[in-house]
Amino acid sequence: MIRHIVLIRFRQDITAAEVADIFAELHEIQAKIPGLVSITSGRSESPEKIERGYMHGFIADFTDWAALEAYQVHPAHKKLGARLVENAIGGLDGILVFDLPADLPAAIPA
């Protein structure tokens, strides 16, 4: 599994409703990309408070690198990516992306 982690510093003039709409668009992509297993998105609730301005983000889990690549070139992702860049502080500078190979948890025997 590949875990695609994206952190965003949204501009201060972006409303909570606009952020929710962006994340709704993100979740719609899941049905369009084979191998996109799950998406979790939202605002940080970290008690550590060291987000350094990256208060929103999402995690998208893919079956493998090929599924992540299919997502990256898909028109729906390109459209959403442009929207994220447009609404992030400093454009692309307001977005962090980290891709991490992750093993799925082993099944617990019944």
PDB file of N, CA and C in Angstrom:
ATOM      1  N   MET A   1       0.850  -1.181   0.000  1.00  0.00           N
ATOM      2  CA  MET A   1       0.000   0.000   0.000  1.00  0.00           C
ATOM      3  C   MET A   1       0.893   1.240   0.000  1.00  0.00           C
ATOM      4  N   ILE A   2       0.437   2.283  -0.676  1.00  0.00           N
ATOM      5  CA  ILE A   2       1.124   3.570  -0.684  1.00  0.00           C
ATOM      6  C   ILE A   2       0.219   4.592  -0.009  1.00  0.00           C
ATOM      7  N   ARG A   3       0.761   5.276   0.969  1.00  0.00           N
ATOM      8  CA  ARG A   3       0.017   6.313   1.693  1.00  0.00           C
ATOM      9  C   ARG A   3       0.478   7.668   1.159  1.00  0.00           C
ATOM     10  N   HIS A   4      -0.454   8.403   0.565  1.00  0.00           N
ATOM     11  CA  HIS A   4      -0.206   9.715  -0.035  1.00  0.00           C
ATOM     12  C   HIS A   4      -0.710  10.756   0.964  1.00  0.00           C
ATOM     13  N   ILE A   5       0.203  11.513   1.554  1.00  0.00           N
ATOM     14  CA  ILE A   5      -0.129  12.469   2.608  1.00  0.00           C
ATOM     15  C   ILE A   5       0.053  13.876   2.060  1.00  0.00           C
ATOM     16  N   VAL A   6      -0.974  14.690   2.174  1.00  0.00           N
ATOM     17  CA  VAL A   6      -0.938  16.056   1.651  1.00  0.00           C
ATOM     18  C   VAL A   6      -1.350  17.007   2.773  1.00  0.00           C
ATOM     19  N   LEU A   7      -0.500  17.992   3.064  1.00  0.00           N
ATOM     20  CA  LEU A   7      -0.799  19.020   4.064  1.00  0.00           C
ATOM     21  C   LEU A   7      -0.925  20.353   3.351  1.00  0.00           C
ATOM     22  N   ILE A   8      -1.899  21.155   3.767  1.00  0.00           N
ATOM     23  CA  ILE A   8      -2.213  22.393   3.064  1.00  0.00           C
ATOM     24  C   ILE A   8      -2.308  23.554   4.045  1.00  0.00           C
ATOM     25  N   ARG A   9      -1.700  24.664   3.670  1.00  0.00           N
ATOM     26  CA  ARG A   9      -1.887  25.934   4.388  1.00  0.00           C
ATOM     27  C   ARG A   9      -2.839  26.766   3.530  1.00  0.00           C
ATOM     28  N   PHE A  10      -4.137  26.710   3.836  1.00  0.00           N
ATOM     29  CA  PHE A  10      -5.105  27.485   3.077  1.00  0.00           C
ATOM     30  C   PHE A  10      -4.959  28.970   3.381  1.00  0.00           C
ATOM     31  N   ARG A  11      -5.253  29.790   2.376  1.00  0.00           N
ATOM     32  CA  ARG A  11      -5.251  31.237   2.557  1.00  0.00           C
ATOM     33  C   ARG A  11      -6.258  31.610   3.644  1.00  0.00           C
ATOM     34  N   GLN A  12      -6.016  32.709   4.319  1.00  0.00           N
ATOM     35  CA  GLN A  12      -6.880  33.123   5.423  1.00  0.00           C
ATOM     36  C   GLN A  12      -8.274  33.525   4.969  1.00  0.00           C
ATOM     37  N   ASP A  13      -8.426  33.898   3.697  1.00  0.00           N
ATOM     38  CA  ASP A  13      -9.745  34.315   3.220  1.00  0.00           C
ATOM     39  C   ASP A  13     -10.611  33.135   2.756  1.00  0.00           C
ATOM     40  N   ILE A  14     -10.094  31.925   2.838  1.00  0.00           N
ATOM     41  CA  ILE A  14     -10.852  30.733   2.453  1.00  0.00           C
ATOM     42  C   ILE A  14     -11.759  30.342   3.625  1.00  0.00           C
ATOM     43  N   THR A  15     -13.049  30.197   3.353  1.00  0.00           N
ATOM     44  CA  THR A  15     -14.002  29.879   4.415  1.00  0.00           C
ATOM     45  C   THR A  15     -14.012  28.371   4.696  1.00  0.00           C
ATOM     46  N   ALA A  16     -14.554  28.016   5.844  1.00  0.00           N
ATOM     47  CA  ALA A  16     -14.698  26.595   6.190  1.00  0.00           C
ATOM     48  C   ALA A  16     -15.577  25.884   5.166  1.00  0.00           C
ATOM     49  N   ALA A  17     -16.589  26.574   4.646  1.00  0.00           N
ATOM     50  CA  ALA A  17     -17.463  25.980   3.632  1.00  0.00           C
ATOM     51  C   ALA A  17     -16.684  25.691   2.346  1.00  0.00           C
ATOM     52  N   GLU A  18     -15.781  26.586   1.964  1.00  0.00           N
ATOM     53  CA  GLU A  18     -14.969  26.363   0.768  1.00  0.00           C
ATOM     54  C   GLU A  18     -14.024  25.176   0.959  1.00  0.00           C
ATOM     55  N   VAL A  19     -13.430  25.083   2.141  1.00  0.00           N
ATOM     56  CA  VAL A  19     -12.558  23.936   2.439  1.00  0.00           C
ATOM     57  C   VAL A  19     -13.373  22.649   2.370  1.00  0.00           C
ATOM     58  N   ALA A  20     -14.556  22.652   2.957  1.00  0.00           N
ATOM     59  CA  ALA A  20     -15.421  21.467   2.927  1.00  0.00           C
ATOM     60  C   ALA A  20     -15.763  21.089   1.492  1.00  0.00           C
ATOM     61  N   ASP A  21     -16.012  22.075   0.633  1.00  0.00           N
ATOM     62  CA  ASP A  21     -16.322  21.805  -0.762  1.00  0.00           C
ATOM     63  C   ASP A  21     -15.117  21.207  -1.495  1.00  0.00           C
ATOM     64  N   ILE A  22     -13.928  21.712  -1.205  1.00  0.00           N
ATOM     65  CA  ILE A  22     -12.704  21.153  -1.803  1.00  0.00           C
ATOM     66  C   ILE A  22     -12.545  19.696  -1.386  1.00  0.00           C
ATOM     67  N   PHE A  23     -12.735  19.415  -0.100  1.00  0.00           N
ATOM     68  CA  PHE A  23     -12.590  18.038   0.367  1.00  0.00           C
ATOM     69  C   PHE A  23     -13.699  17.138  -0.177  1.00  0.00           C
ATOM     70  N   ALA A  24     -14.902  17.678  -0.383  1.00  0.00           N
ATOM     71  CA  ALA A  24     -15.976  16.889  -1.001  1.00  0.00           C
ATOM     72  C   ALA A  24     -15.583  16.500  -2.424  1.00  0.00           C
ATOM     73  N   GLU A  25     -15.003  17.435  -3.161  1.00  0.00           N
ATOM     74  CA  GLU A  25     -14.519  17.140  -4.516  1.00  0.00           C
ATOM     75  C   GLU A  25     -13.440  16.058  -4.474  1.00  0.00           C
ATOM     76  N   LEU A  26     -12.571  16.151  -3.489  1.00  0.00           N
ATOM     77  CA  LEU A  26     -11.528  15.135  -3.318  1.00  0.00           C
ATOM     78  C   LEU A  26     -12.148  13.753  -3.124  1.00  0.00           C
ATOM     79  N   HIS A  27     -13.126  13.647  -2.259  1.00  0.00           N
ATOM     80  CA  HIS A  27     -13.737  12.350  -1.974  1.00  0.00           C
ATOM     81  C   HIS A  27     -14.472  11.776  -3.182  1.00  0.00           C
ATOM     82  N   GLU A  28     -14.964  12.640  -4.057  1.00  0.00           N
ATOM     83  CA  GLU A  28     -15.618  12.171  -5.281  1.00  0.00           C
ATOM     84  C   GLU A  28     -14.631  11.460  -6.214  1.00  0.00           C
ATOM     85  N   ILE A  29     -13.370  11.807  -6.122  1.00  0.00           N
ATOM     86  CA  ILE A  29     -12.348  11.194  -6.975  1.00  0.00           C
ATOM     87  C   ILE A  29     -12.192   9.710  -6.659  1.00  0.00           C
ATOM     88  N   GLN A  30     -12.442   9.319  -5.427  1.00  0.00           N
ATOM     89  CA  GLN A  30     -12.226   7.928  -5.012  1.00  0.00           C
ATOM     90  C   GLN A  30     -12.941   6.934  -5.917  1.00  0.00           C
ATOM     91  N   ALA A  31     -14.154   7.245  -6.333  1.00  0.00           N
ATOM     92  CA  ALA A  31     -14.931   6.334  -7.177  1.00  0.00           C
ATOM     93  C   ALA A  31     -14.387   6.274  -8.609  1.00  0.00           C
ATOM     94  N   LYS A  32     -13.529   7.214  -8.974  1.00  0.00           N
ATOM     95  CA  LYS A  32     -13.026   7.308 -10.344  1.00  0.00           C
ATOM     96  C   LYS A  32     -11.665   6.647 -10.549  1.00  0.00           C
ATOM     97  N   ILE A  33     -10.971   6.305  -9.473  1.00  0.00           N
ATOM     98  CA  ILE A  33      -9.596   5.811  -9.574  1.00  0.00           C
ATOM     99  C   ILE A  33      -9.502   4.382  -9.039  1.00  0.00           C
ATOM    100  N   PRO A  34      -9.326   3.399  -9.917  1.00  0.00           N
ATOM    101  CA  PRO A  34      -9.098   2.034  -9.431  1.00  0.00           C
ATOM    102  C   PRO A  34      -7.813   1.998  -8.585  1.00  0.00           C
ATOM    103  N   GLY A  35      -7.878   1.318  -7.479  1.00  0.00           N
ATOM    104  CA  GLY A  35      -6.709   1.205  -6.609  1.00  0.00           C
ATOM    105  C   GLY A  35      -6.614   2.288  -5.555  1.00  0.00           C
ATOM    106  N   LEU A  36      -7.534   3.256  -5.587  1.00  0.00           N
ATOM    107  CA  LEU A  36      -7.605   4.257  -4.521  1.00  0.00           C
ATOM    108  C   LEU A  36      -8.520   3.676  -3.453  1.00  0.00           C
ATOM    109  N   VAL A  37      -7.897   3.232  -2.361  1.00  0.00           N
ATOM    110  CA  VAL A  37      -8.589   2.454  -1.336  1.00  0.00           C
ATOM    111  C   VAL A  37      -9.420   3.331  -0.398  1.00  0.00           C
ATOM    112  N   SER A  38      -8.841   4.441   0.056  1.00  0.00           N
ATOM    113  CA  SER A  38      -9.559   5.292   1.002  1.00  0.00           C
ATOM    114  C   SER A  38      -8.972   6.697   1.008  1.00  0.00           C
ATOM    115  N   ILE A  39      -9.812   7.632   1.448  1.00  0.00           N
ATOM    116  CA  ILE A  39      -9.388   9.020   1.619  1.00  0.00           C
ATOM    117  C   ILE A  39      -9.906   9.491   2.971  1.00  0.00           C
ATOM    118  N   THR A  40      -9.029  10.116   3.731  1.00  0.00           N
ATOM    119  CA  THR A  40      -9.396  10.752   4.994  1.00  0.00           C
ATOM    120  C   THR A  40      -8.936  12.193   4.903  1.00  0.00           C
ATOM    121  N   SER A  41      -9.815  13.142   5.226  1.00  0.00           N
ATOM    122  CA  SER A  41      -9.440  14.546   5.109  1.00  0.00           C
ATOM    123  C   SER A  41      -9.984  15.334   6.286  1.00  0.00           C
ATOM    124  N   GLY A  42      -9.387  16.493   6.530  1.00  0.00           N
ATOM    125  CA  GLY A  42      -9.912  17.353   7.579  1.00  0.00           C
ATOM    126  C   GLY A  42      -8.923  18.359   8.099  1.00  0.00           C
ATOM    127  N   ARG A  43      -9.289  18.943   9.217  1.00  0.00           N
ATOM    128  CA  ARG A  43      -8.491  19.965   9.905  1.00  0.00           C
ATOM    129  C   ARG A  43      -7.750  19.286  11.058  1.00  0.00           C
ATOM    130  N   SER A  44      -6.542  19.731  11.299  1.00  0.00           N
ATOM    131  CA  SER A  44      -5.754  19.160  12.388  1.00  0.00           C
ATOM    132  C   SER A  44      -6.423  19.394  13.738  1.00  0.00           C
ATOM    133  N   GLU A  45      -6.380  18.369  14.550  1.00  0.00           N
ATOM    134  CA  GLU A  45      -6.860  18.463  15.929  1.00  0.00           C
ATOM    135  C   GLU A  45      -5.746  18.062  16.893  1.00  0.00           C
ATOM    136  N   SER A  46      -4.510  18.250  16.453  1.00  0.00           N
ATOM    137  CA  SER A  46      -3.361  17.821  17.231  1.00  0.00           C
ATOM    138  C   SER A  46      -3.229  18.584  18.549  1.00  0.00           C
ATOM    139  N   PRO A  47      -3.110  17.871  19.663  1.00  0.00           N
ATOM    140  CA  PRO A  47      -2.879  18.553  20.935  1.00  0.00           C
ATOM    141  C   PRO A  47      -1.465  19.129  21.022  1.00  0.00           C
ATOM    142  N   GLU A  48      -0.568  18.680  20.132  1.00  0.00           N
ATOM    143  CA  GLU A  48       0.815  19.190  20.150  1.00  0.00           C
ATOM    144  C   GLU A  48       0.916  20.603  19.571  1.00  0.00           C
ATOM    145  N   LYS A  49       0.001  20.958  18.681  1.00  0.00           N
ATOM    146  CA  LYS A  49      -0.059  22.308  18.103  1.00  0.00           C
ATOM    147  C   LYS A  49       1.245  22.722  17.411  1.00  0.00           C
ATOM    148  N   ILE A  50       1.837  21.821  16.635  1.00  0.00           N
ATOM    149  CA  ILE A  50       3.051  22.167  15.891  1.00  0.00           C
ATOM    150  C   ILE A  50       2.855  21.982  14.381  1.00  0.00           C
ATOM    151  N   GLU A  51       1.680  22.341  13.916  1.00  0.00           N
ATOM    152  CA  GLU A  51       1.356  22.188  12.495  1.00  0.00           C
ATOM    153  C   GLU A  51       2.090  23.185  11.609  1.00  0.00           C
ATOM    154  N   ARG A  52       2.606  24.241  12.199  1.00  0.00           N
ATOM    155  CA  ARG A  52       3.330  25.285  11.462  1.00  0.00           C
ATOM    156  C   ARG A  52       2.503  25.861  10.316  1.00  0.00           C
ATOM    157  N   GLY A  53       1.209  26.025  10.567  1.00  0.00           N
ATOM    158  CA  GLY A  53       0.327  26.633   9.584  1.00  0.00           C
ATOM    159  C   GLY A  53      -0.357  25.646   8.653  1.00  0.00           C
ATOM    160  N   TYR A  54       0.094  24.399   8.632  1.00  0.00           N
ATOM    161  CA  TYR A  54      -0.540  23.371   7.802  1.00  0.00           C
ATOM    162  C   TYR A  54      -1.699  22.772   8.595  1.00  0.00           C
ATOM    163  N   MET A  55      -2.825  23.495   8.599  1.00  0.00           N
ATOM    164  CA  MET A  55      -3.951  23.127   9.451  1.00  0.00           C
ATOM    165  C   MET A  55      -4.923  22.147   8.804  1.00  0.00           C
ATOM    166  N   HIS A  56      -4.804  21.921   7.507  1.00  0.00           N
ATOM    167  CA  HIS A  56      -5.690  20.994   6.790  1.00  0.00           C
ATOM    168  C   HIS A  56      -4.851  19.995   6.011  1.00  0.00           C
ATOM    169  N   GLY A  57      -5.455  18.857   5.765  1.00  0.00           N
ATOM    170  CA  GLY A  57      -4.742  17.869   4.969  1.00  0.00           C
ATOM    171  C   GLY A  57      -5.596  16.662   4.680  1.00  0.00           C
ATOM    172  N   PHE A  58      -4.976  15.756   3.933  1.00  0.00           N
ATOM    173  CA  PHE A  58      -5.660  14.500   3.642  1.00  0.00           C
ATOM    174  C   PHE A  58      -4.658  13.394   3.432  1.00  0.00           C
ATOM    175  N   ILE A  59      -5.156  12.188   3.612  1.00  0.00           N
ATOM    176  CA  ILE A  59      -4.394  10.974   3.356  1.00  0.00           C
ATOM    177  C   ILE A  59      -5.198  10.155   2.359  1.00  0.00           C
ATOM    178  N   ALA A  60      -4.544   9.750   1.288  1.00  0.00           N
ATOM    179  CA  ALA A  60      -5.167   8.863   0.306  1.00  0.00           C
ATOM    180  C   ALA A  60      -4.326   7.593   0.257  1.00  0.00           C
ATOM    181  N   ASP A  61      -4.965   6.464   0.459  1.00  0.00           N
ATOM    182  CA  ASP A  61      -4.272   5.179   0.436  1.00  0.00           C
ATOM    183  C   ASP A  61      -4.519   4.487  -0.902  1.00  0.00           C
ATOM    184  N   PHE A  62      -3.433   4.037  -1.518  1.00  0.00           N
ATOM    185  CA  PHE A  62      -3.471   3.375  -2.820  1.00  0.00           C
ATOM    186  C   PHE A  62      -2.933   1.960  -2.691  1.00  0.00           C
ATOM    187  N   THR A  63      -3.406   1.084  -3.546  1.00  0.00           N
ATOM    188  CA  THR A  63      -2.950  -0.310  -3.501  1.00  0.00           C
ATOM    189  C   THR A  63      -1.471  -0.437  -3.846  1.00  0.00           C
ATOM    190  N   ASP A  64      -0.995   0.424  -4.749  1.00  0.00           N
ATOM    191  CA  ASP A  64       0.407   0.330  -5.186  1.00  0.00           C
ATOM    192  C   ASP A  64       0.804   1.624  -5.899  1.00  0.00           C
ATOM    193  N   TRP A  65       2.073   1.682  -6.326  1.00  0.00           N
ATOM    194  CA  TRP A  65       2.583   2.873  -6.997  1.00  0.00           C
ATOM    195  C   TRP A  65       1.845   3.150  -8.306  1.00  0.00           C
ATOM    196  N   ALA A  66       1.442   2.102  -9.014  1.00  0.00           N
ATOM    197  CA  ALA A  66       0.732   2.281 -10.282  1.00  0.00           C
ATOM    198  C   ALA A  66      -0.611   2.976 -10.052  1.00  0.00           C
ATOM    199  N   ALA A  67      -1.301   2.639  -8.983  1.00  0.00           N
ATOM    200  CA  ALA A  67      -2.582   3.294  -8.675  1.00  0.00           C
ATOM    201  C   ALA A  67      -2.357   4.768  -8.328  1.00  0.00           C
ATOM    202  N   LEU A  68      -1.292   5.063  -7.589  1.00  0.00           N
ATOM    203  CA  LEU A  68      -0.974   6.458  -7.277  1.00  0.00           C
ATOM    204  C   LEU A  68      -0.663   7.223  -8.557  1.00  0.00           C
ATOM    205  N   GLU A  69       0.075   6.606  -9.464  1.00  0.00           N
ATOM    206  CA  GLU A  69       0.397   7.262 -10.731  1.00  0.00           C
ATOM    207  C   GLU A  69      -0.875   7.522 -11.548  1.00  0.00           C
ATOM    208  N   ALA A  70      -1.795   6.561 -11.566  1.00  0.00           N
ATOM    209  CA  ALA A  70      -3.057   6.744 -12.289  1.00  0.00           C
ATOM    210  C   ALA A  70      -3.828   7.930 -11.709  1.00  0.00           C
ATOM    211  N   TYR A  71      -3.798   8.083 -10.400  1.00  0.00           N
ATOM    212  CA  TYR A  71      -4.440   9.209  -9.719  1.00  0.00           C
ATOM    213  C   TYR A  71      -3.774  10.522 -10.125  1.00  0.00           C
ATOM    214  N   GLN A  72      -2.453  10.534 -10.148  1.00  0.00           N
ATOM    215  CA  GLN A  72      -1.720  11.764 -10.429  1.00  0.00           C
ATOM    216  C   GLN A  72      -1.991  12.305 -11.833  1.00  0.00           C
ATOM    217  N   VAL A  73      -2.237  11.436 -12.787  1.00  0.00           N
ATOM    218  CA  VAL A  73      -2.463  11.886 -14.165  1.00  0.00           C
ATOM    219  C   VAL A  73      -3.950  12.006 -14.513  1.00  0.00           C
ATOM    220  N   HIS A  74      -4.827  11.608 -13.616  1.00  0.00           N
ATOM    221  CA  HIS A  74      -6.261  11.648 -13.881  1.00  0.00           C
ATOM    222  C   HIS A  74      -6.738  13.106 -13.957  1.00  0.00           C
ATOM    223  N   PRO A  75      -7.603  13.439 -14.918  1.00  0.00           N
ATOM    224  CA  PRO A  75      -8.099  14.816 -15.051  1.00  0.00           C
ATOM    225  C   PRO A  75      -8.777  15.358 -13.789  1.00  0.00           C
ATOM    226  N   ALA A  76      -9.488  14.516 -13.051  1.00  0.00           N
ATOM    227  CA  ALA A  76     -10.149  14.971 -11.820  1.00  0.00           C
ATOM    228  C   ALA A  76      -9.119  15.398 -10.777  1.00  0.00           C
ATOM    229  N   HIS A  77      -7.998  14.677 -10.702  1.00  0.00           N
ATOM    230  CA  HIS A  77      -6.930  15.051  -9.775  1.00  0.00           C
ATOM    231  C   HIS A  77      -6.264  16.343 -10.222  1.00  0.00           C
ATOM    232  N   LYS A  78      -6.022  16.469 -11.510  1.00  0.00           N
ATOM    233  CA  LYS A  78      -5.391  17.688 -12.027  1.00  0.00           C
ATOM    234  C   LYS A  78      -6.263  18.912 -11.724  1.00  0.00           C
ATOM    235  N   LYS A  79      -7.570  18.773 -11.892  1.00  0.00           N
ATOM    236  CA  LYS A  79      -8.503  19.866 -11.600  1.00  0.00           C
ATOM    237  C   LYS A  79      -8.462  20.219 -10.114  1.00  0.00           C
ATOM    238  N   LEU A  80      -8.537  19.203  -9.261  1.00  0.00           N
ATOM    239  CA  LEU A  80      -8.501  19.439  -7.821  1.00  0.00           C
ATOM    240  C   LEU A  80      -7.151  20.016  -7.404  1.00  0.00           C
ATOM    241  N   GLY A  81      -6.074  19.495  -7.960  1.00  0.00           N
ATOM    242  CA  GLY A  81      -4.744  20.006  -7.636  1.00  0.00           C
ATOM    243  C   GLY A  81      -4.622  21.487  -7.944  1.00  0.00           C
ATOM    244  N   ALA A  82      -5.151  21.902  -9.085  1.00  0.00           N
ATOM    245  CA  ALA A  82      -5.124  23.323  -9.446  1.00  0.00           C
ATOM    246  C   ALA A  82      -5.925  24.139  -8.432  1.00  0.00           C
ATOM    247  N   ARG A  83      -7.031  23.594  -7.984  1.00  0.00           N
ATOM    248  CA  ARG A  83      -7.862  24.286  -6.987  1.00  0.00           C
ATOM    249  C   ARG A  83      -7.129  24.402  -5.651  1.00  0.00           C
ATOM    250  N   LEU A  84      -6.426  23.354  -5.260  1.00  0.00           N
ATOM    251  CA  LEU A  84      -5.651  23.411  -4.018  1.00  0.00           C
ATOM    252  C   LEU A  84      -4.562  24.475  -4.119  1.00  0.00           C
ATOM    253  N   VAL A  85      -3.821  24.469  -5.220  1.00  0.00           N
ATOM    254  CA  VAL A  85      -2.746  25.449  -5.414  1.00  0.00           C
ATOM    255  C   VAL A  85      -3.313  26.872  -5.392  1.00  0.00           C
ATOM    256  N   GLU A  86      -4.438  27.078  -6.045  1.00  0.00           N
ATOM    257  CA  GLU A  86      -5.071  28.395  -6.107  1.00  0.00           C
ATOM    258  C   GLU A  86      -5.460  28.899  -4.716  1.00  0.00           C
ATOM    259  N   ASN A  87      -5.819  28.000  -3.810  1.00  0.00           N
ATOM    260  CA  ASN A  87      -6.318  28.388  -2.493  1.00  0.00           C
ATOM    261  C   ASN A  87      -5.307  28.239  -1.367  1.00  0.00           C
ATOM    262  N   ALA A  88      -4.092  27.814  -1.692  1.00  0.00           N
ATOM    263  CA  ALA A  88      -3.049  27.658  -0.676  1.00  0.00           C
ATOM    264  C   ALA A  88      -2.216  28.936  -0.567  1.00  0.00           C
ATOM    265  N   ILE A  89      -1.722  29.198   0.617  1.00  0.00           N
ATOM    266  CA  ILE A  89      -0.834  30.345   0.834  1.00  0.00           C
ATOM    267  C   ILE A  89       0.420  30.142  -0.018  1.00  0.00           C
ATOM    268  N   GLY A  90       0.704  31.091  -0.895  1.00  0.00           N
ATOM    269  CA  GLY A  90       1.894  30.992  -1.738  1.00  0.00           C
ATOM    270  C   GLY A  90       1.774  29.972  -2.850  1.00  0.00           C
ATOM    271  N   GLY A  91       0.546  29.544  -3.160  1.00  0.00           N
ATOM    272  CA  GLY A  91       0.368  28.550  -4.223  1.00  0.00           C
ATOM    273  C   GLY A  91       0.965  27.214  -3.831  1.00  0.00           C
ATOM    274  N   LEU A  92       1.771  26.659  -4.697  1.00  0.00           N
ATOM    275  CA  LEU A  92       2.369  25.349  -4.447  1.00  0.00           C
ATOM    276  C   LEU A  92       3.228  25.340  -3.181  1.00  0.00           C
ATOM    277  N   ASP A  93       3.799  26.495  -2.817  1.00  0.00           N
ATOM    278  CA  ASP A  93       4.603  26.566  -1.593  1.00  0.00           C
ATOM    279  C   ASP A  93       3.783  26.305  -0.337  1.00  0.00           C
ATOM    280  N   GLY A  94       2.463  26.398  -0.431  1.00  0.00           N
ATOM    281  CA  GLY A  94       1.597  26.156   0.723  1.00  0.00           C
ATOM    282  C   GLY A  94       1.090  24.730   0.814  1.00  0.00           C
ATOM    283  N   ILE A  95       1.729  23.827   0.054  1.00  0.00           N
ATOM    284  CA  ILE A  95       1.306  22.426   0.042  1.00  0.00           C
ATOM    285  C   ILE A  95       2.524  21.525   0.227  1.00  0.00           C
ATOM    286  N   LEU A  96       2.401  20.549   1.116  1.00  0.00           N
ATOM    287  CA  LEU A  96       3.428  19.518   1.304  1.00  0.00           C
ATOM    288  C   LEU A  96       2.850  18.175   0.892  1.00  0.00           C
ATOM    289  N   VAL A  97       3.643  17.388   0.179  1.00  0.00           N
ATOM    290  CA  VAL A  97       3.219  16.049  -0.223  1.00  0.00           C
ATOM    291  C   VAL A  97       4.290  15.065   0.223  1.00  0.00           C
ATOM    292  N   PHE A  98       3.824  13.960   0.805  1.00  0.00           N
ATOM    293  CA  PHE A  98       4.735  12.917   1.293  1.00  0.00           C
ATOM    294  C   PHE A  98       4.121  11.576   0.946  1.00  0.00           C
ATOM    295  N   ASP A  99       4.832  10.766   0.175  1.00  0.00           N
ATOM    296  CA  ASP A  99       4.343   9.441  -0.207  1.00  0.00           C
ATOM    297  C   ASP A  99       5.159   8.385   0.524  1.00  0.00           C
ATOM    298  N   LEU A 100       4.457   7.477   1.177  1.00  0.00           N
ATOM    299  CA  LEU A 100       5.088   6.518   2.069  1.00  0.00           C
ATOM    300  C   LEU A 100       4.580   5.108   1.804  1.00  0.00           C
ATOM    301  N   PRO A 101       5.479   4.181   1.451  1.00  0.00           N
ATOM    302  CA  PRO A 101       5.037   2.789   1.375  1.00  0.00           C
ATOM    303  C   PRO A 101       4.632   2.324   2.778  1.00  0.00           C
ATOM    304  N   ALA A 102       3.493   1.672   2.875  1.00  0.00           N
ATOM    305  CA  ALA A 102       3.002   1.228   4.182  1.00  0.00           C
ATOM    306  C   ALA A 102       2.395  -0.156   4.033  1.00  0.00           C
ATOM    307  N   ASP A 103       2.739  -1.025   4.919  1.00  0.00           N
ATOM    308  CA  ASP A 103       2.149  -2.364   4.907  1.00  0.00           C
ATOM    309  C   ASP A 103       0.756  -2.305   5.499  1.00  0.00           C
ATOM    310  N   LEU A 104      -0.137  -3.063   4.906  1.00  0.00           N
ATOM    311  CA  LEU A 104      -1.463  -3.202   5.486  1.00  0.00           C
ATOM    312  C   LEU A 104      -1.357  -4.007   6.771  1.00  0.00           C
ATOM    313  N   PRO A 105      -2.170  -3.712   7.773  1.00  0.00           N
ATOM    314  CA  PRO A 105      -2.116  -4.491   9.001  1.00  0.00           C
ATOM    315  C   PRO A 105      -2.448  -5.959   8.714  1.00  0.00           C
ATOM    316  N   ALA A 106      -1.746  -6.822   9.389  1.00  0.00           N
ATOM    317  CA  ALA A 106      -2.006  -8.257   9.229  1.00  0.00           C
ATOM    318  C   ALA A 106      -3.387  -8.595   9.787  1.00  0.00           C
ATOM    319  N   ALA A 107      -4.055  -9.498   9.120  1.00  0.00           N
ATOM    320  CA  ALA A 107      -5.371  -9.931   9.577  1.00  0.00           C
ATOM    321  C   ALA A 107      -5.232 -10.649  10.911  1.00  0.00           C
ATOM    322  N   ILE A 108      -6.173 -10.404  11.785  1.00  0.00           N
ATOM    323  CA  ILE A 108      -6.181 -11.069  13.092  1.00  0.00           C
ATOM    324  C   ILE A 108      -6.928 -12.393  12.914  1.00  0.00           C
ATOM    325  N   PRO A 109      -6.264 -13.506  13.273  1.00  0.00           N
ATOM    326  CA  PRO A 109      -6.943 -14.801  13.114  1.00  0.00           C
ATOM    327  C   PRO A 109      -8.222 -14.851  13.919  1.00  0.00           C
ATOM    328  N   ALA A 110      -9.232 -15.491  13.354  1.00  0.00           N
ATOM    329  CA  ALA A 110     -10.524 -15.602  14.045  1.00  0.00           C
ATOM    330  C   ALA A 110     -10.489 -16.636  15.122  1.00  0.00           C
TER     331      ALA A 110
END
